[in-house]
Structures are given as C-alpha cells and as structure tokens.
C-alpha cells in the first residue's frame, strides 16, 4: 500500500474482499510496541451490541449487590 499526499491508504481489493470490508466500514487503528500499524475492522457500533437487549425488569441497590456477592462467596455476613 502507498500513502497518498492526503494521508490516505488504499486497501487492495483482494484484502478488502477477504475481510468483508465495504465502503463506510470503520477500522480501529493502533500501533503495536514494535511500531507496526494495526488495522482492525470495527464490524459493530457499540450501540448495536445493546439494541436488542431486553429491558431491565428489576433494579438492585448497591447494598443488595453487596449482599448477593457476599452470599455467593459464602460469607456469613450476607
């Protein structure tokens, strides 16, 4: 790949097709400890992961959570 004067990279077609990348696909970009550029397809938007989540039927206070955790851990003060 070659970096354009606008700072853009073109991913070769064969690679795009094998990864299922289409126009508009978002990529997460990072640099590893060896200075290599890492591109990872971001196939889902964070809100997509929660879109079909069922509504919460009950809520717990922090005290309720502490008691449940203590009970699961087998502590006597639950």
N, C-alpha and C. Protein backbone atom coordinates (compact mmCIF):
# COMPACT_ATOMS: atom_id res chain seq x y z
N UNK A 1 0.86 -1.17 0.00
CA UNK A 1 0.00 0.00 0.00
C UNK A 1 0.90 1.23 0.00
N UNK A 2 0.40 2.29 -0.57
CA UNK A 2 1.14 3.54 -0.62
C UNK A 2 0.29 4.64 -0.01
N UNK A 3 0.91 5.46 0.80
CA UNK A 3 0.24 6.58 1.44
C UNK A 3 0.10 7.71 0.41
N UNK A 4 -1.11 8.23 0.25
CA UNK A 4 -1.33 9.31 -0.71
C UNK A 4 -0.89 10.64 -0.11
N UNK A 5 -0.87 11.67 -0.94
CA UNK A 5 -0.50 13.00 -0.47
C UNK A 5 -1.50 13.54 0.55
N UNK A 6 -2.71 12.97 0.56
CA UNK A 6 -3.74 13.37 1.53
C UNK A 6 -3.69 12.52 2.79
N UNK A 7 -2.71 11.61 2.88
CA UNK A 7 -2.58 10.75 4.05
C UNK A 7 -3.52 9.57 4.02
N UNK A 8 -4.00 9.20 2.86
CA UNK A 8 -4.94 8.09 2.73
C UNK A 8 -4.24 6.83 2.24
N UNK A 9 -4.74 5.69 2.71
CA UNK A 9 -4.26 4.39 2.25
C UNK A 9 -5.37 3.71 1.46
N UNK A 10 -5.02 3.00 0.42
CA UNK A 10 -5.98 2.19 -0.32
C UNK A 10 -5.68 0.73 0.00
N UNK A 11 -6.68 0.06 0.54
CA UNK A 11 -6.54 -1.35 0.87
C UNK A 11 -6.83 -2.15 -0.40
N UNK A 12 -5.92 -3.02 -0.81
CA UNK A 12 -6.12 -3.78 -2.04
C UNK A 12 -7.45 -4.55 -2.04
N UNK A 13 -8.06 -4.66 -3.23
CA UNK A 13 -9.38 -5.28 -3.36
C UNK A 13 -9.42 -6.69 -2.77
N UNK A 14 -8.42 -7.52 -3.07
CA UNK A 14 -8.42 -8.90 -2.57
C UNK A 14 -8.48 -8.94 -1.04
N UNK A 15 -7.75 -8.04 -0.40
CA UNK A 15 -7.76 -7.97 1.06
C UNK A 15 -9.10 -7.47 1.57
N UNK A 16 -9.65 -6.43 0.92
CA UNK A 16 -10.98 -5.92 1.32
C UNK A 16 -12.03 -7.02 1.21
N UNK A 17 -11.99 -7.75 0.12
CA UNK A 17 -12.99 -8.81 -0.08
C UNK A 17 -12.83 -9.93 0.94
N UNK A 18 -11.59 -10.33 1.22
CA UNK A 18 -11.38 -11.42 2.17
C UNK A 18 -11.79 -11.04 3.59
N UNK A 19 -11.71 -9.74 3.91
CA UNK A 19 -12.11 -9.26 5.25
C UNK A 19 -13.56 -8.79 5.30
N UNK A 20 -14.22 -8.75 4.15
CA UNK A 20 -15.60 -8.28 4.12
C UNK A 20 -15.73 -6.78 4.33
N UNK A 21 -14.70 -6.03 3.94
CA UNK A 21 -14.73 -4.58 4.11
C UNK A 21 -15.49 -3.95 2.95
N UNK A 22 -16.42 -3.08 3.28
CA UNK A 22 -17.19 -2.37 2.28
C UNK A 22 -17.07 -0.88 2.53
N UNK A 23 -17.43 -0.05 1.53
CA UNK A 23 -17.34 1.40 1.76
C UNK A 23 -18.09 1.80 3.03
N UNK A 24 -17.45 2.60 3.84
CA UNK A 24 -18.04 3.05 5.10
C UNK A 24 -17.67 2.19 6.30
N UNK A 25 -17.03 1.04 6.07
CA UNK A 25 -16.59 0.19 7.19
C UNK A 25 -15.60 0.98 8.04
N UNK A 26 -15.82 0.98 9.33
CA UNK A 26 -14.91 1.66 10.24
C UNK A 26 -13.80 0.70 10.65
N UNK A 27 -12.60 1.25 10.83
CA UNK A 27 -11.45 0.47 11.26
C UNK A 27 -10.89 1.07 12.53
N UNK A 28 -10.56 0.21 13.49
CA UNK A 28 -9.86 0.66 14.68
C UNK A 28 -8.38 0.61 14.35
N UNK A 29 -7.65 1.66 14.69
CA UNK A 29 -6.24 1.77 14.34
C UNK A 29 -5.41 1.89 15.61
N UNK A 30 -4.31 1.14 15.66
CA UNK A 30 -3.39 1.25 16.79
C UNK A 30 -1.98 0.96 16.29
N UNK A 31 -1.02 1.22 17.15
CA UNK A 31 0.37 0.94 16.83
C UNK A 31 0.88 -0.02 17.91
N UNK A 32 1.48 -1.14 17.49
CA UNK A 32 1.98 -2.10 18.46
C UNK A 32 3.36 -1.65 18.99
N UNK A 33 3.88 -2.33 20.01
CA UNK A 33 5.16 -1.93 20.61
C UNK A 33 6.34 -1.91 19.63
N UNK A 34 6.20 -2.62 18.50
CA UNK A 34 7.27 -2.65 17.50
C UNK A 34 7.10 -1.58 16.43
N UNK A 35 6.12 -0.68 16.62
CA UNK A 35 5.89 0.40 15.67
C UNK A 35 5.08 0.00 14.45
N UNK A 36 4.43 -1.17 14.49
CA UNK A 36 3.61 -1.62 13.37
C UNK A 36 2.20 -1.07 13.50
N UNK A 37 1.65 -0.66 12.38
CA UNK A 37 0.29 -0.15 12.32
C UNK A 37 -0.67 -1.33 12.31
N UNK A 38 -1.65 -1.33 13.21
CA UNK A 38 -2.63 -2.41 13.30
C UNK A 38 -3.99 -1.84 12.91
N UNK A 39 -4.62 -2.43 11.91
CA UNK A 39 -5.96 -2.05 11.48
C UNK A 39 -6.90 -3.21 11.77
N UNK A 40 -7.97 -2.95 12.51
CA UNK A 40 -8.93 -4.00 12.86
C UNK A 40 -10.32 -3.51 12.46
N UNK A 41 -11.03 -4.29 11.63
CA UNK A 41 -12.37 -3.87 11.26
C UNK A 41 -13.26 -3.76 12.50
N UNK A 42 -13.95 -2.66 12.59
CA UNK A 42 -14.92 -2.49 13.67
C UNK A 42 -16.27 -2.82 13.06
N UNK A 43 -16.65 -4.10 13.15
CA UNK A 43 -17.83 -4.58 12.45
C UNK A 43 -19.13 -4.16 13.11
N UNK A 44 -19.06 -3.70 14.35
CA UNK A 44 -20.26 -3.29 15.06
C UNK A 44 -20.02 -1.94 15.71
N UNK A 45 -21.06 -1.13 15.73
CA UNK A 45 -21.03 0.09 16.52
C UNK A 45 -21.42 -0.31 17.94
N UNK A 46 -20.85 0.35 18.95
CA UNK A 46 -21.16 -0.05 20.33
C UNK A 46 -22.66 -0.13 20.62
N UNK A 47 -23.43 0.82 20.10
CA UNK A 47 -24.87 0.81 20.38
C UNK A 47 -25.57 -0.39 19.74
N UNK A 48 -24.99 -0.96 18.66
CA UNK A 48 -25.57 -2.14 18.04
C UNK A 48 -25.58 -3.34 18.98
N UNK A 49 -24.59 -3.41 19.85
CA UNK A 49 -24.48 -4.55 20.76
C UNK A 49 -25.61 -4.57 21.79
N UNK A 50 -26.22 -3.42 22.04
CA UNK A 50 -27.25 -3.32 23.08
C UNK A 50 -28.64 -3.08 22.51
N UNK A 51 -28.76 -2.97 21.20
CA UNK A 51 -30.03 -2.62 20.58
C UNK A 51 -31.15 -3.59 20.94
N UNK A 52 -30.90 -4.88 20.90
CA UNK A 52 -31.94 -5.89 21.14
C UNK A 52 -31.93 -6.44 22.56
N UNK A 53 -31.23 -5.75 23.45
CA UNK A 53 -31.17 -6.20 24.85
C UNK A 53 -32.54 -6.03 25.50
N UNK A 54 -32.99 -7.03 26.22
CA UNK A 54 -34.29 -6.89 26.90
C UNK A 54 -34.23 -5.80 27.97
N UNK A 55 -35.37 -5.20 28.23
CA UNK A 55 -35.41 -4.17 29.25
C UNK A 55 -35.18 -4.79 30.63
N UNK A 56 -34.63 -4.02 31.52
CA UNK A 56 -34.35 -4.48 32.87
C UNK A 56 -35.68 -4.55 33.63
N UNK A 57 -35.93 -5.70 34.23
CA UNK A 57 -37.19 -5.91 34.93
C UNK A 57 -37.12 -5.51 36.40
N UNK A 58 -35.91 -5.49 36.95
CA UNK A 58 -35.76 -5.11 38.35
C UNK A 58 -34.42 -4.40 38.51
N UNK A 59 -34.32 -3.65 39.55
CA UNK A 59 -33.04 -2.99 39.82
C UNK A 59 -32.60 -3.35 41.24
N UNK A 60 -31.33 -3.22 41.49
CA UNK A 60 -30.77 -3.54 42.80
C UNK A 60 -30.01 -2.33 43.31
N UNK A 61 -30.05 -2.15 44.61
CA UNK A 61 -29.24 -1.11 45.23
C UNK A 61 -27.83 -1.66 45.39
N UNK A 62 -26.89 -0.80 45.69
CA UNK A 62 -25.53 -1.26 45.96
C UNK A 62 -25.51 -2.22 47.13
N UNK A 63 -26.33 -1.96 48.14
CA UNK A 63 -26.39 -2.85 49.29
C UNK A 63 -26.90 -4.23 48.88
N UNK A 64 -27.92 -4.27 48.00
CA UNK A 64 -28.43 -5.54 47.50
C UNK A 64 -27.32 -6.31 46.78
N UNK A 65 -26.55 -5.59 45.96
CA UNK A 65 -25.46 -6.22 45.22
C UNK A 65 -24.40 -6.76 46.16
N UNK A 66 -24.06 -5.97 47.20
CA UNK A 66 -23.06 -6.42 48.17
C UNK A 66 -23.53 -7.69 48.88
N UNK A 67 -24.81 -7.74 49.25
CA UNK A 67 -25.35 -8.93 49.90
C UNK A 67 -25.31 -10.14 48.97
N UNK A 68 -25.67 -9.93 47.71
CA UNK A 68 -25.67 -11.04 46.74
C UNK A 68 -24.25 -11.55 46.51
N UNK A 69 -23.30 -10.66 46.42
CA UNK A 69 -21.90 -11.06 46.23
C UNK A 69 -21.40 -11.82 47.45
N UNK A 70 -21.71 -11.30 48.64
CA UNK A 70 -21.30 -11.97 49.86
C UNK A 70 -21.94 -13.35 49.98
N UNK A 71 -23.21 -13.45 49.61
CA UNK A 71 -23.89 -14.75 49.68
C UNK A 71 -23.25 -15.74 48.70
N UNK A 72 -22.93 -15.27 47.50
CA UNK A 72 -22.33 -16.15 46.50
C UNK A 72 -20.93 -16.59 46.93
N UNK A 73 -20.25 -15.73 47.68
CA UNK A 73 -18.91 -16.05 48.15
C UNK A 73 -18.94 -16.91 49.41
N UNK A 74 -20.15 -17.14 49.96
CA UNK A 74 -20.30 -17.99 51.13
C UNK A 74 -19.93 -17.31 52.44
N UNK A 75 -20.00 -15.99 52.44
CA UNK A 75 -19.67 -15.28 53.68
C UNK A 75 -20.87 -15.28 54.62
N UNK A 76 -20.58 -15.33 55.89
CA UNK A 76 -21.62 -15.41 56.91
C UNK A 76 -22.37 -14.08 57.08
N UNK A 77 -21.76 -12.95 56.70
CA UNK A 77 -22.41 -11.66 56.94
C UNK A 77 -23.35 -11.28 55.81
N UNK A 78 -23.74 -12.23 54.97
CA UNK A 78 -24.64 -11.94 53.84
C UNK A 78 -26.04 -11.69 54.32
